[in-house]
Amino acid sequence: MTLSQLCADLIAADKGLCEDSGYQINSEAIWTRIDLANLAVLDELGARTRVSDFQYETLCRFYATRFRLPTIYISNLGLKELEQLYDDRATSRLGSGTVAVVEAPDQRTQTHWSRT
């Protein structure tokens, strides 16, 4: 999921607007699922130019919940750029594992082949 989607789900759960299989779930149920997942992927860490305190705290709690568990963090920004967006504490944690930099052309600007 994306960081903004996780934040929206947590807010909705605390307002009683989140259900799963017909049962209302709260934010702690979401955190429990994140903790129990075999693999967690958090995407779009650098999708905004600013982050709220809630987004920052959510990212830090996600990291703490998934500490030493298989987790992938995805961002279009490098650690230096993420440090400007969050802070050195958060990016130090994000960069503590294996960091893979994948460089490829931006698919949004590429001309796609059409079938004729």
Protein backbone atom coordinates (compact mmCIF):
# COMPACT_ATOMS: atom_id res chain seq x y z
CA MET A 1 0.00 0.00 0.00
CA THR A 2 1.03 3.61 -0.23
CA LEU A 3 1.84 5.73 2.80
CA SER A 4 -1.08 8.06 2.05
CA GLN A 5 -3.44 5.06 1.68
CA LEU A 6 -2.28 3.69 5.04
CA CYS A 7 -2.86 7.08 6.67
CA ALA A 8 -6.34 7.33 5.13
CA ASP A 9 -7.20 3.79 6.28
CA LEU A 10 -6.05 4.55 9.83
CA ILE A 11 -8.13 7.73 9.97
CA ALA A 12 -11.19 5.94 8.53
CA ALA A 13 -10.78 3.07 11.01
CA ASP A 14 -10.68 5.46 13.96
CA LYS A 15 -13.87 7.11 12.68
CA GLY A 16 -15.58 3.73 12.48
CA LEU A 17 -15.67 3.77 8.69
CA CYS A 18 -13.47 0.75 7.99
CA GLU A 19 -14.82 -2.78 7.62
CA ASP A 20 -13.44 -6.15 6.75
CA SER A 21 -15.65 -9.15 6.06
CA GLY A 22 -18.60 -7.28 7.54
CA TYR A 23 -16.82 -6.44 10.80
CA GLN A 24 -15.80 -2.97 11.82
CA ILE A 25 -12.06 -2.69 12.43
CA ASN A 26 -10.08 -0.05 14.28
CA SER A 27 -6.59 1.27 13.65
CA GLU A 28 -5.03 -1.25 16.05
CA ALA A 29 -6.43 -4.07 13.90
CA ILE A 30 -4.67 -2.51 10.90
CA TRP A 31 -1.39 -2.35 12.83
CA THR A 32 -1.82 -5.98 13.89
CA ARG A 33 -2.21 -7.02 10.25
CA ILE A 34 0.90 -5.08 9.32
CA ASP A 35 2.80 -6.79 12.13
CA LEU A 36 1.62 -10.28 11.13
CA ALA A 37 2.16 -9.94 7.37
CA ASN A 38 4.80 -12.22 5.87
CA LEU A 39 5.96 -9.31 3.71
CA ALA A 40 4.94 -5.66 3.84
CA VAL A 41 5.46 -3.09 1.09
CA LEU A 42 5.06 0.64 1.68
CA ASP A 43 5.10 2.69 -1.50
CA GLU A 44 5.24 6.36 -2.45
CA LEU A 45 7.23 7.62 0.52
CA GLY A 46 8.28 10.68 -1.48
CA ALA A 47 5.10 11.35 -3.41
CA ARG A 48 4.51 14.75 -1.77
CA THR A 49 6.60 17.86 -1.23
CA ARG A 50 5.57 18.03 2.45
CA VAL A 51 4.50 15.47 5.01
CA SER A 52 2.21 16.02 7.96
CA ASP A 53 3.08 15.05 11.52
CA PHE A 54 0.58 12.20 11.16
CA GLN A 55 2.30 10.88 8.02
CA TYR A 56 5.68 11.15 9.73
CA GLU A 57 4.48 9.31 12.84
CA THR A 58 2.75 6.68 10.70
CA LEU A 59 5.97 6.01 8.78
CA CYS A 60 7.94 5.75 12.04
CA ARG A 61 5.39 3.38 13.57
CA PHE A 62 5.33 1.29 10.39
CA TYR A 63 9.10 0.96 10.58
CA ALA A 64 8.98 0.09 14.29
CA THR A 65 6.22 -2.47 13.69
CA ARG A 66 8.11 -4.12 10.84
CA PHE A 67 11.58 -3.92 12.42
CA ARG A 68 13.54 -7.04 11.44
CA LEU A 69 10.64 -8.35 9.36
CA PRO A 70 10.65 -8.63 5.56
CA THR A 71 9.67 -5.14 4.39
CA ILE A 72 10.12 -3.13 1.22
CA TYR A 73 9.98 0.67 1.15
CA ILE A 74 9.57 2.29 -2.26
CA SER A 75 10.21 5.90 -3.16
CA ASN A 76 10.98 7.91 -6.23
CA LEU A 77 13.41 9.88 -4.04
CA GLY A 78 16.81 8.90 -2.72
CA LEU A 79 17.73 8.89 0.95
CA LYS A 80 19.11 12.45 0.83
CA GLU A 81 15.86 13.76 -0.66
CA LEU A 82 13.80 11.76 1.83
CA GLU A 83 15.89 13.24 4.64
CA GLN A 84 14.82 16.72 3.52
CA LEU A 85 11.19 15.57 3.46
CA TYR A 86 11.22 13.68 6.78
CA ASP A 87 14.41 13.96 8.85
CA ASP A 88 17.66 12.13 9.46
CA ARG A 89 16.09 9.88 12.12
CA ALA A 90 13.52 8.45 9.72
CA THR A 91 15.87 8.11 6.76
CA SER A 92 18.58 6.55 8.91
CA ARG A 93 16.14 3.78 9.72
CA LEU A 94 14.92 3.43 6.14
CA GLY A 95 18.49 3.14 4.91
CA SER A 96 19.61 0.64 7.55
CA GLY A 97 18.90 -2.40 5.37
CA THR A 98 19.69 -3.19 1.78
CA VAL A 99 19.11 -0.16 -0.43
CA ALA A 100 18.58 -0.84 -4.12
CA VAL A 101 18.60 2.04 -6.57
CA VAL A 102 16.71 1.24 -9.74
CA GLU A 103 17.14 3.73 -12.52
CA ALA A 104 14.86 3.56 -15.51
CA PRO A 105 13.08 6.01 -17.77
CA ASP A 106 9.95 7.58 -16.30
CA GLN A 107 7.12 5.52 -17.77
CA ARG A 108 4.78 8.51 -17.63
CA THR A 109 6.87 10.29 -20.26
CA GLN A 110 7.50 7.33 -22.55
CA THR A 111 5.69 6.80 -25.83
CA HIS A 112 3.91 3.47 -25.68
CA TRP A 113 3.54 1.14 -28.61
CA SER A 114 0.02 0.72 -29.82
CA ARG A 115 -1.31 -2.44 -31.43
CA THR A 116 -2.43 -2.08 -35.01
